[in-house]
Amino acid sequence: MDLPQRNIIRNSDDDMNWDVIEISNVTNKIINNLLENLKQDISERFFMSFESLIKISRKKNITSLLEKAVKSINNNDWHLDLFELILKYTNENENTHSLIFQLYNPDFIKRARAILQAEHYKILKYARLILPLMDDPDDSVRWAALNYFINLEQIDDPKIQKKIHLRIEKEVNETIQRKLLQAIIHD
């Protein structure tokens, strides 16, 4: 019996190497590739790598690879916070970082909802991890991130102002671009 082929639409950020494999078959090379993906800018590959590492870290000891990755990252880089979070998570017995894991979930709806939740509860300690989401591939996540900073009155922070200026140049959504311009005028 012939099964119908699934129509799979792939964009340039997709990689044909993504596959479901058993954790016992995950090699250090695969883990290092996932870690390298997390050192890159926000993208679908980034989110899939984050989720994969979280799942692997509970089943396989990847502490030494994570520690090596942490040492290779600039101290002022937001990626360092993320790597340290994964490292801490691998050594804990409970998941105390579920909101952060939702911020970097491959599902854009979960990312946007996590930002809205952080805003609702006025959780400023995650601002450094929300800031990169202003470059999220999805409009709703970028909108939520921008509103998080505006509504929690963080817009005057120089790092946020810099991100807004950079984002204006590449923003394609006119509504978000207007909101970015308003945020600059506020300054």
N, C-alpha and C. Protein backbone atom coordinates (compact mmCIF):
# COMPACT_ATOMS: atom_id res chain seq x y z
N MET A 1 0.84 -1.17 0.00
CA MET A 1 0.00 0.00 0.00
C MET A 1 0.89 1.24 0.00
N ASP A 2 0.59 2.17 -0.87
CA ASP A 2 1.34 3.42 -0.94
C ASP A 2 0.72 4.44 -0.01
N LEU A 3 1.53 5.01 0.84
CA LEU A 3 1.07 6.07 1.71
C LEU A 3 1.29 7.41 1.04
N PRO A 4 0.36 8.32 1.17
CA PRO A 4 0.56 9.63 0.54
C PRO A 4 1.73 10.36 1.17
N GLN A 5 2.46 11.06 0.34
CA GLN A 5 3.57 11.88 0.81
C GLN A 5 3.02 13.09 1.54
N ARG A 6 3.62 13.42 2.67
CA ARG A 6 3.24 14.64 3.36
C ARG A 6 3.89 15.82 2.66
N ASN A 7 3.12 16.86 2.47
CA ASN A 7 3.70 18.08 1.90
C ASN A 7 4.37 18.83 3.03
N ILE A 8 5.66 18.94 2.95
CA ILE A 8 6.43 19.63 3.97
C ILE A 8 6.99 20.91 3.36
N ILE A 9 6.65 22.02 3.95
CA ILE A 9 7.17 23.29 3.48
C ILE A 9 8.35 23.65 4.36
N ARG A 10 9.48 23.84 3.76
CA ARG A 10 10.69 24.17 4.50
C ARG A 10 11.19 25.53 4.05
N ASN A 11 11.70 26.28 5.00
CA ASN A 11 12.32 27.54 4.64
C ASN A 11 13.83 27.41 4.80
N SER A 12 14.53 28.48 4.52
CA SER A 12 15.99 28.41 4.53
C SER A 12 16.58 28.13 5.90
N ASP A 13 15.81 28.38 6.96
CA ASP A 13 16.33 28.15 8.31
C ASP A 13 16.16 26.69 8.74
N ASP A 14 15.37 25.94 7.99
CA ASP A 14 15.17 24.54 8.33
C ASP A 14 16.39 23.73 7.96
N ASP A 15 16.58 22.66 8.67
CA ASP A 15 17.71 21.79 8.41
C ASP A 15 17.18 20.37 8.31
N MET A 16 17.54 19.69 7.26
CA MET A 16 17.06 18.34 7.04
C MET A 16 17.63 17.37 8.08
N ASN A 17 18.55 17.80 8.93
CA ASN A 17 19.16 16.92 9.92
C ASN A 17 18.31 16.77 11.19
N TRP A 18 17.25 17.56 11.34
CA TRP A 18 16.40 17.43 12.52
C TRP A 18 15.66 16.12 12.41
N ASP A 19 15.70 15.37 13.47
CA ASP A 19 15.03 14.09 13.48
C ASP A 19 14.78 13.69 14.92
N VAL A 20 13.88 12.78 15.12
CA VAL A 20 13.62 12.26 16.45
C VAL A 20 14.54 11.05 16.63
N ILE A 21 15.36 11.11 17.67
CA ILE A 21 16.24 9.98 17.96
C ILE A 21 16.16 9.66 19.44
N GLU A 22 16.51 8.44 19.77
CA GLU A 22 16.51 8.04 21.16
C GLU A 22 17.64 8.75 21.89
N ILE A 23 17.39 9.09 23.14
CA ILE A 23 18.40 9.81 23.94
C ILE A 23 19.68 8.98 24.03
N SER A 24 19.56 7.68 24.09
CA SER A 24 20.76 6.83 24.19
C SER A 24 21.64 6.95 22.94
N ASN A 25 21.07 7.43 21.83
CA ASN A 25 21.83 7.60 20.60
C ASN A 25 22.37 9.01 20.40
N VAL A 26 22.10 9.89 21.36
CA VAL A 26 22.59 11.26 21.27
C VAL A 26 24.06 11.26 21.65
N THR A 27 24.87 11.72 20.73
CA THR A 27 26.32 11.75 20.94
C THR A 27 26.76 13.14 21.40
N ASN A 28 28.00 13.23 21.85
CA ASN A 28 28.56 14.54 22.23
C ASN A 28 28.59 15.48 21.03
N LYS A 29 28.80 14.93 19.86
CA LYS A 29 28.81 15.77 18.65
C LYS A 29 27.44 16.42 18.44
N ILE A 30 26.38 15.66 18.62
CA ILE A 30 25.02 16.20 18.48
C ILE A 30 24.79 17.27 19.55
N ILE A 31 25.18 16.99 20.77
CA ILE A 31 25.00 17.96 21.86
C ILE A 31 25.78 19.23 21.58
N ASN A 32 27.02 19.09 21.11
CA ASN A 32 27.83 20.27 20.79
C ASN A 32 27.19 21.09 19.66
N ASN A 33 26.60 20.42 18.68
CA ASN A 33 25.89 21.14 17.61
C ASN A 33 24.71 21.93 18.17
N LEU A 34 23.97 21.31 19.09
CA LEU A 34 22.84 22.01 19.72
C LEU A 34 23.33 23.21 20.52
N LEU A 35 24.44 23.04 21.24
CA LEU A 35 25.01 24.14 22.01
C LEU A 35 25.46 25.27 21.09
N GLU A 36 26.05 24.94 19.96
CA GLU A 36 26.46 25.96 18.99
C GLU A 36 25.25 26.73 18.46
N ASN A 37 24.15 26.01 18.22
CA ASN A 37 22.93 26.67 17.76
C ASN A 37 22.42 27.68 18.79
N LEU A 38 22.64 27.40 20.06
CA LEU A 38 22.19 28.32 21.12
C LEU A 38 23.08 29.55 21.24
N LYS A 39 24.23 29.52 20.63
CA LYS A 39 25.11 30.69 20.64
C LYS A 39 24.75 31.67 19.53
N GLN A 40 23.81 31.28 18.68
CA GLN A 40 23.41 32.09 17.53
C GLN A 40 22.26 33.02 17.91
N ASP A 41 21.84 33.81 16.95
CA ASP A 41 20.69 34.69 17.14
C ASP A 41 19.41 33.86 17.23
N ILE A 42 18.36 34.50 17.68
CA ILE A 42 17.05 33.87 17.80
C ILE A 42 16.58 33.40 16.42
N SER A 43 16.14 32.15 16.36
CA SER A 43 15.61 31.56 15.13
C SER A 43 14.85 30.30 15.51
N GLU A 44 14.18 29.70 14.56
CA GLU A 44 13.48 28.45 14.83
C GLU A 44 14.48 27.36 15.25
N ARG A 45 15.64 27.34 14.62
CA ARG A 45 16.69 26.37 14.97
C ARG A 45 17.13 26.57 16.42
N PHE A 46 17.25 27.82 16.83
CA PHE A 46 17.62 28.16 18.20
C PHE A 46 16.61 27.54 19.17
N PHE A 47 15.32 27.77 18.93
CA PHE A 47 14.28 27.27 19.83
C PHE A 47 14.24 25.75 19.87
N MET A 48 14.41 25.11 18.73
CA MET A 48 14.40 23.64 18.70
C MET A 48 15.62 23.09 19.44
N SER A 49 16.75 23.76 19.32
CA SER A 49 17.95 23.32 20.03
C SER A 49 17.78 23.47 21.53
N PHE A 50 17.20 24.57 21.96
CA PHE A 50 16.96 24.80 23.38
C PHE A 50 16.08 23.69 23.96
N GLU A 51 14.96 23.42 23.30
CA GLU A 51 14.05 22.38 23.78
C GLU A 51 14.75 21.01 23.81
N SER A 52 15.53 20.72 22.79
CA SER A 52 16.24 19.43 22.73
C SER A 52 17.22 19.30 23.89
N LEU A 53 17.97 20.36 24.16
CA LEU A 53 18.94 20.31 25.25
C LEU A 53 18.27 20.13 26.61
N ILE A 54 17.14 20.77 26.79
CA ILE A 54 16.41 20.62 28.06
C ILE A 54 15.99 19.16 28.23
N LYS A 55 15.48 18.57 27.18
CA LYS A 55 15.03 17.17 27.26
C LYS A 55 16.22 16.23 27.47
N ILE A 56 17.30 16.46 26.77
CA ILE A 56 18.49 15.61 26.88
C ILE A 56 19.10 15.74 28.27
N SER A 57 19.12 16.95 28.81
CA SER A 57 19.82 17.21 30.08
C SER A 57 19.25 16.42 31.25
N ARG A 58 18.00 16.04 31.19
CA ARG A 58 17.40 15.26 32.28
C ARG A 58 17.69 13.77 32.16
N LYS A 59 18.09 13.34 30.98
CA LYS A 59 18.31 11.91 30.76
C LYS A 59 19.78 11.55 30.60
N LYS A 60 20.59 12.54 30.29
CA LYS A 60 21.99 12.28 29.99
C LYS A 60 22.84 13.36 30.66
N ASN A 61 23.95 12.99 31.22
CA ASN A 61 24.83 13.95 31.89
C ASN A 61 25.59 14.75 30.83
N ILE A 62 25.20 16.01 30.70
CA ILE A 62 25.88 16.89 29.73
C ILE A 62 26.56 18.06 30.44
N THR A 63 26.74 17.93 31.74
CA THR A 63 27.30 19.01 32.55
C THR A 63 28.65 19.49 32.03
N SER A 64 29.56 18.59 31.72
CA SER A 64 30.90 19.02 31.28
C SER A 64 30.83 19.77 29.95
N LEU A 65 29.94 19.35 29.05
CA LEU A 65 29.80 20.06 27.77
C LEU A 65 29.19 21.45 27.99
N LEU A 66 28.24 21.54 28.90
CA LEU A 66 27.63 22.83 29.22
C LEU A 66 28.65 23.77 29.87
N GLU A 67 29.44 23.25 30.80
CA GLU A 67 30.45 24.07 31.48
C GLU A 67 31.46 24.60 30.47
N LYS A 68 31.84 23.77 29.52
CA LYS A 68 32.78 24.19 28.47
C LYS A 68 32.15 25.30 27.62
N ALA A 69 30.86 25.14 27.30
CA ALA A 69 30.16 26.16 26.51
C ALA A 69 30.06 27.47 27.27
N VAL A 70 29.79 27.40 28.57
CA VAL A 70 29.68 28.60 29.41
C VAL A 70 30.98 29.38 29.38
N LYS A 71 32.09 28.69 29.45
CA LYS A 71 33.41 29.35 29.45
C LYS A 71 33.71 30.06 28.13
N SER A 72 33.05 29.64 27.05
CA SER A 72 33.33 30.23 25.74
C SER A 72 32.47 31.45 25.41
N ILE A 73 31.61 31.84 26.36
CA ILE A 73 30.66 32.93 26.09
C ILE A 73 31.09 34.19 26.85
N ASN A 74 30.94 35.32 26.19
CA ASN A 74 31.24 36.63 26.76
C ASN A 74 30.34 36.88 27.97
N ASN A 75 30.90 37.40 29.04
CA ASN A 75 30.14 37.64 30.27
C ASN A 75 28.96 38.59 30.11
N ASN A 76 29.02 39.48 29.14
CA ASN A 76 27.92 40.43 28.94
C ASN A 76 26.85 39.93 27.98
N ASP A 77 27.00 38.74 27.51
CA ASP A 77 26.09 38.18 26.52
C ASP A 77 24.91 37.49 27.19
N TRP A 78 23.69 37.74 26.71
CA TRP A 78 22.49 37.11 27.27
C TRP A 78 22.53 35.60 27.12
N HIS A 79 23.30 35.11 26.16
CA HIS A 79 23.42 33.66 25.97
C HIS A 79 24.00 33.00 27.23
N LEU A 80 24.88 33.73 27.92
CA LEU A 80 25.49 33.19 29.14
C LEU A 80 24.42 32.87 30.17
N ASP A 81 23.46 33.76 30.35
CA ASP A 81 22.36 33.51 31.30
C ASP A 81 21.61 32.24 30.92
N LEU A 82 21.40 32.06 29.65
CA LEU A 82 20.65 30.90 29.18
C LEU A 82 21.43 29.60 29.42
N PHE A 83 22.72 29.61 29.10
CA PHE A 83 23.55 28.42 29.33
C PHE A 83 23.65 28.09 30.82
N GLU A 84 23.80 29.13 31.64
CA GLU A 84 23.86 28.89 33.08
C GLU A 84 22.54 28.35 33.61
N LEU A 85 21.45 28.80 33.03
CA LEU A 85 20.13 28.29 33.41
C LEU A 85 20.02 26.80 33.08
N ILE A 86 20.45 26.42 31.90
CA ILE A 86 20.39 25.00 31.51
C ILE A 86 21.30 24.18 32.41
N LEU A 87 22.46 24.71 32.71
CA LEU A 87 23.40 24.02 33.60
C LEU A 87 22.78 23.83 34.99
N LYS A 88 22.18 24.87 35.51
CA LYS A 88 21.52 24.78 36.81
C LYS A 88 20.38 23.77 36.77
N TYR A 89 19.62 23.81 35.69
CA TYR A 89 18.49 22.89 35.52
C TYR A 89 18.93 21.43 35.53
N THR A 90 20.07 21.15 34.91
CA THR A 90 20.55 19.77 34.86
C THR A 90 20.93 19.24 36.24
N ASN A 91 21.24 20.15 37.15
CA ASN A 91 21.68 19.74 38.49
C ASN A 91 20.57 19.84 39.54
N GLU A 92 19.37 20.25 39.15
CA GLU A 92 18.26 20.37 40.08
C GLU A 92 17.36 19.15 40.00
N ASN A 93 16.60 18.94 41.05
CA ASN A 93 15.63 17.85 41.06
C ASN A 93 14.26 18.29 40.58
N GLU A 94 13.99 19.60 40.64
CA GLU A 94 12.68 20.11 40.25
C GLU A 94 12.82 21.18 39.18
N ASN A 95 11.77 21.33 38.43
CA ASN A 95 11.74 22.36 37.41
C ASN A 95 11.22 23.65 38.04
N THR A 96 12.11 24.57 38.35
CA THR A 96 11.71 25.83 38.94
C THR A 96 11.79 26.97 37.93
N HIS A 97 12.00 26.64 36.68
CA HIS A 97 12.20 27.65 35.65
C HIS A 97 11.21 27.50 34.50
N SER A 98 10.01 27.03 34.78
CA SER A 98 9.07 26.73 33.71
C SER A 98 8.73 27.95 32.86
N LEU A 99 8.64 29.14 33.45
CA LEU A 99 8.34 30.33 32.66
C LEU A 99 9.46 30.61 31.65
N ILE A 100 10.69 30.47 32.08
CA ILE A 100 11.81 30.69 31.16
C ILE A 100 11.78 29.67 30.04
N PHE A 101 11.47 28.43 30.37
CA PHE A 101 11.41 27.40 29.33
C PHE A 101 10.31 27.71 28.32
N GLN A 102 9.25 28.36 28.79
CA GLN A 102 8.19 28.75 27.86
C GLN A 102 8.62 29.94 26.99
N LEU A 103 9.47 30.81 27.53
CA LEU A 103 9.98 31.94 26.75
C LEU A 103 10.75 31.47 25.52
N TYR A 104 11.37 30.30 25.61
CA TYR A 104 12.18 29.78 24.51
C TYR A 104 11.61 28.50 23.91
N ASN A 105 10.32 28.32 24.07
CA ASN A 105 9.63 27.17 23.52
C ASN A 105 9.54 27.31 21.99
N PRO A 106 9.65 26.21 21.25
CA PRO A 106 9.51 26.30 19.79
C PRO A 106 8.14 26.82 19.32
N ASP A 107 7.13 26.74 20.16
CA ASP A 107 5.79 27.21 19.81
C ASP A 107 5.69 28.71 20.12
N PHE A 108 5.51 29.52 19.08
CA PHE A 108 5.48 30.97 19.27
C PHE A 108 4.34 31.42 20.18
N ILE A 109 3.25 30.69 20.21
CA ILE A 109 2.13 31.05 21.09
C ILE A 109 2.55 30.93 22.55
N LYS A 110 3.29 29.88 22.87
CA LYS A 110 3.78 29.71 24.24
C LYS A 110 4.78 30.79 24.60
N ARG A 111 5.62 31.19 23.64
CA ARG A 111 6.58 32.27 23.91
C ARG A 111 5.84 33.57 24.21
N ALA A 112 4.85 33.91 23.39
CA ALA A 112 4.11 35.16 23.59
C ALA A 112 3.35 35.12 24.92
N ARG A 113 2.73 34.00 25.23
CA ARG A 113 2.00 33.89 26.50
C ARG A 113 2.93 34.01 27.71
N ALA A 114 4.13 33.46 27.59
CA ALA A 114 5.09 33.55 28.69
C ALA A 114 5.49 35.01 28.93
N ILE A 115 5.66 35.77 27.87
CA ILE A 115 6.00 37.18 28.01
C ILE A 115 4.82 37.92 28.66
N LEU A 116 3.62 37.62 28.21
CA LEU A 116 2.43 38.25 28.80
C LEU A 116 2.32 37.92 30.28
N GLN A 117 2.64 36.69 30.63
CA GLN A 117 2.59 36.28 32.04
C GLN A 117 3.65 37.03 32.85
N ALA A 118 4.86 37.13 32.31
CA ALA A 118 5.92 37.87 33.00
C ALA A 118 5.52 39.33 33.19
N GLU A 119 4.86 39.89 32.19
CA GLU A 119 4.39 41.27 32.30
C GLU A 119 3.28 41.38 33.35
N HIS A 120 2.34 40.48 33.29
CA HIS A 120 1.21 40.51 34.23
C HIS A 120 1.68 40.45 35.68
N TYR A 121 2.65 39.59 35.96
CA TYR A 121 3.16 39.44 37.32
C TYR A 121 4.36 40.35 37.61
N LYS A 122 4.66 41.24 36.65
CA LYS A 122 5.74 42.22 36.80
C LYS A 122 7.07 41.56 37.17
N ILE A 123 7.41 40.52 36.43
CA ILE A 123 8.65 39.78 36.68
C ILE A 123 9.77 40.42 35.86
N LEU A 124 10.54 41.24 36.51
CA LEU A 124 11.62 41.96 35.83
C LEU A 124 12.92 41.16 35.76
N LYS A 125 13.05 40.13 36.59
CA LYS A 125 14.31 39.38 36.60
C LYS A 125 14.56 38.63 35.29
N TYR A 126 13.54 38.49 34.45
CA TYR A 126 13.71 37.81 33.16
C TYR A 126 13.88 38.79 32.00
N ALA A 127 13.97 40.07 32.30
CA ALA A 127 14.06 41.08 31.23
C ALA A 127 15.22 40.80 30.28
N ARG A 128 16.35 40.40 30.83
CA ARG A 128 17.53 40.13 29.99
C ARG A 128 17.28 38.97 29.03
N LEU A 129 16.43 38.03 29.42
CA LEU A 129 16.11 36.90 28.55
C LEU A 129 14.94 37.21 27.61
N ILE A 130 14.16 38.22 27.94
CA ILE A 130 13.06 38.62 27.05
C ILE A 130 13.56 39.57 25.96
N LEU A 131 14.57 40.35 26.26
CA LEU A 131 15.09 41.33 25.29
C LEU A 131 15.43 40.71 23.93
N PRO A 132 16.11 39.56 23.86
CA PRO A 132 16.40 38.97 22.54
C PRO A 132 15.14 38.58 21.76
N LEU A 133 14.03 38.40 22.46
CA LEU A 133 12.79 38.01 21.79
C LEU A 133 12.18 39.17 20.99
N MET A 134 12.75 40.35 21.10
CA MET A 134 12.33 41.45 20.23
C MET A 134 12.77 41.18 18.79
N ASP A 135 13.62 40.17 18.60
CA ASP A 135 14.03 39.74 17.26
C ASP A 135 13.42 38.40 16.88
N ASP A 136 12.39 38.00 17.60
CA ASP A 136 11.74 36.72 17.35
C ASP A 136 11.21 36.66 15.91
N PRO A 137 11.22 35.48 15.30
CA PRO A 137 10.67 35.35 13.95
C PRO A 137 9.16 35.66 13.89
N ASP A 138 8.46 35.56 15.01
CA ASP A 138 7.02 35.76 15.00
C ASP A 138 6.64 37.16 15.48
N ASP A 139 5.75 37.81 14.76
CA ASP A 139 5.29 39.16 15.09
C ASP A 139 4.68 39.25 16.48
N SER A 140 3.86 38.27 16.85
CA SER A 140 3.17 38.36 18.14
C SER A 140 4.14 38.31 19.31
N VAL A 141 5.24 37.60 19.15
CA VAL A 141 6.25 37.53 20.21
C VAL A 141 7.00 38.86 20.29
N ARG A 142 7.35 39.42 19.13
CA ARG A 142 8.03 40.73 19.13
C ARG A 142 7.13 41.79 19.75
N TRP A 143 5.84 41.76 19.43
CA TRP A 143 4.87 42.71 19.98
C TRP A 143 4.78 42.57 21.50
N ALA A 144 4.68 41.32 21.96
CA ALA A 144 4.58 41.07 23.41
C ALA A 144 5.84 41.53 24.12
N ALA A 145 7.01 41.27 23.54
CA ALA A 145 8.27 41.68 24.16
C ALA A 145 8.36 43.20 24.26
N LEU A 146 8.01 43.89 23.19
CA LEU A 146 8.04 45.35 23.19
C LEU A 146 7.08 45.91 24.25
N ASN A 147 5.88 45.38 24.32
CA ASN A 147 4.90 45.84 25.31
C ASN A 147 5.35 45.53 26.73
N TYR A 148 6.03 44.41 26.92
CA TYR A 148 6.57 44.06 28.24
C TYR A 148 7.46 45.20 28.74
N PHE A 149 8.38 45.65 27.90
CA PHE A 149 9.30 46.71 28.32
C PHE A 149 8.61 48.06 28.48
N ILE A 150 7.67 48.34 27.62
CA ILE A 150 6.94 49.61 27.73
C ILE A 150 6.06 49.61 28.98
N ASN A 151 5.26 48.58 29.15
CA ASN A 151 4.29 48.54 30.25
C ASN A 151 4.93 48.38 31.62
N LEU A 152 6.13 47.79 31.66
CA LEU A 152 6.84 47.68 32.94
C LEU A 152 7.83 48.83 33.13
N GLU A 153 7.68 49.86 32.28
CA GLU A 153 8.46 51.09 32.37
C GLU A 153 9.97 50.86 32.38
N GLN A 154 10.40 50.00 31.48
CA GLN A 154 11.82 49.69 31.33
C GLN A 154 12.40 50.31 30.06
N ILE A 155 11.60 51.08 29.37
CA ILE A 155 11.95 51.58 28.05
C ILE A 155 13.15 52.54 28.06
N ASP A 156 13.44 53.14 29.20
CA ASP A 156 14.56 54.09 29.28
C ASP A 156 15.91 53.41 29.48
N ASP A 157 15.91 52.13 29.72
CA ASP A 157 17.16 51.39 29.89
C ASP A 157 17.96 51.47 28.58
N PRO A 158 19.25 51.84 28.64
CA PRO A 158 20.06 51.99 27.43
C PRO A 158 20.13 50.72 26.57
N LYS A 159 20.15 49.55 27.18
CA LYS A 159 20.19 48.32 26.39
C LYS A 159 18.89 48.12 25.61
N ILE A 160 17.79 48.48 26.23
CA ILE A 160 16.50 48.35 25.56
C ILE A 160 16.38 49.40 24.46
N GLN A 161 16.83 50.61 24.72
CA GLN A 161 16.82 51.65 23.69
C GLN A 161 17.67 51.23 22.49
N LYS A 162 18.83 50.66 22.76
CA LYS A 162 19.70 50.21 21.67
C LYS A 162 19.00 49.13 20.84
N LYS A 163 18.35 48.18 21.52
CA LYS A 163 17.64 47.10 20.83
C LYS A 163 16.51 47.66 19.98
N ILE A 164 15.80 48.66 20.51
CA ILE A 164 14.70 49.28 19.76
C ILE A 164 15.23 49.95 18.50
N HIS A 165 16.32 50.69 18.63
CA HIS A 165 16.91 51.36 17.45
C HIS A 165 17.32 50.34 16.40
N LEU A 166 17.93 49.26 16.83
CA LEU A 166 18.34 48.20 15.88
C LEU A 166 17.12 47.53 15.25
N ARG A 167 16.08 47.34 16.05
CA ARG A 167 14.88 46.63 15.57
C ARG A 167 14.12 47.47 14.54
N ILE A 168 14.09 48.79 14.72
CA ILE A 168 13.37 49.66 13.79
C ILE A 168 13.87 49.46 12.37
N GLU A 169 15.17 49.30 12.23
CA GLU A 169 15.77 49.17 10.90
C GLU A 169 15.34 47.91 10.17
N LYS A 170 15.03 46.84 10.92
CA LYS A 170 14.69 45.59 10.25
C LYS A 170 13.24 45.15 10.42
N GLU A 171 12.46 45.89 11.18
CA GLU A 171 11.07 45.50 11.43
C GLU A 171 10.24 45.62 10.16
N VAL A 172 9.53 44.57 9.80
CA VAL A 172 8.69 44.56 8.60
C VAL A 172 7.21 44.80 8.92
N ASN A 173 6.82 44.56 10.15
CA ASN A 173 5.44 44.76 10.56
C ASN A 173 5.25 46.25 10.86
N GLU A 174 4.38 46.89 10.09
CA GLU A 174 4.20 48.35 10.24
C GLU A 174 3.66 48.76 11.61
N THR A 175 2.78 47.95 12.18
CA THR A 175 2.22 48.26 13.50
C THR A 175 3.31 48.22 14.57
N ILE A 176 4.15 47.21 14.51
CA ILE A 176 5.26 47.11 15.47
C ILE A 176 6.26 48.23 15.23
N GLN A 177 6.51 48.54 13.97
CA GLN A 177 7.46 49.61 13.68
C GLN A 177 6.97 50.95 14.24
N ARG A 178 5.67 51.24 14.11
CA ARG A 178 5.12 52.48 14.69
C ARG A 178 5.29 52.50 16.21
N LYS A 179 5.04 51.35 16.85
CA LYS A 179 5.17 51.26 18.31
C LYS A 179 6.64 51.45 18.72
N LEU A 180 7.56 50.92 17.94
CA LEU A 180 8.99 51.11 18.21
C LEU A 180 9.35 52.60 18.11
N LEU A 181 8.84 53.25 17.07
CA LEU A 181 9.11 54.69 16.89
C LEU A 181 8.53 55.50 18.05
N GLN A 182 7.34 55.14 18.51
CA GLN A 182 6.74 55.82 19.66
C GLN A 182 7.59 55.64 20.91
N ALA A 183 8.18 54.45 21.06
CA ALA A 183 9.03 54.18 22.22
C ALA A 183 10.28 55.06 22.19
N ILE A 184 10.79 55.34 21.01
CA ILE A 184 11.97 56.21 20.88
C ILE A 184 11.59 57.65 21.16
N ILE A 185 10.43 58.06 20.66
CA ILE A 185 9.96 59.43 20.91
C ILE A 185 9.78 59.67 22.40
N HIS A 186 9.32 58.63 23.09
CA HIS A 186 9.17 58.71 24.55
C HIS A 186 10.48 59.09 25.20
N ASP A 187 11.58 58.57 24.64
CA ASP A 187 12.91 58.83 25.19
C ASP A 187 13.24 60.28 24.97
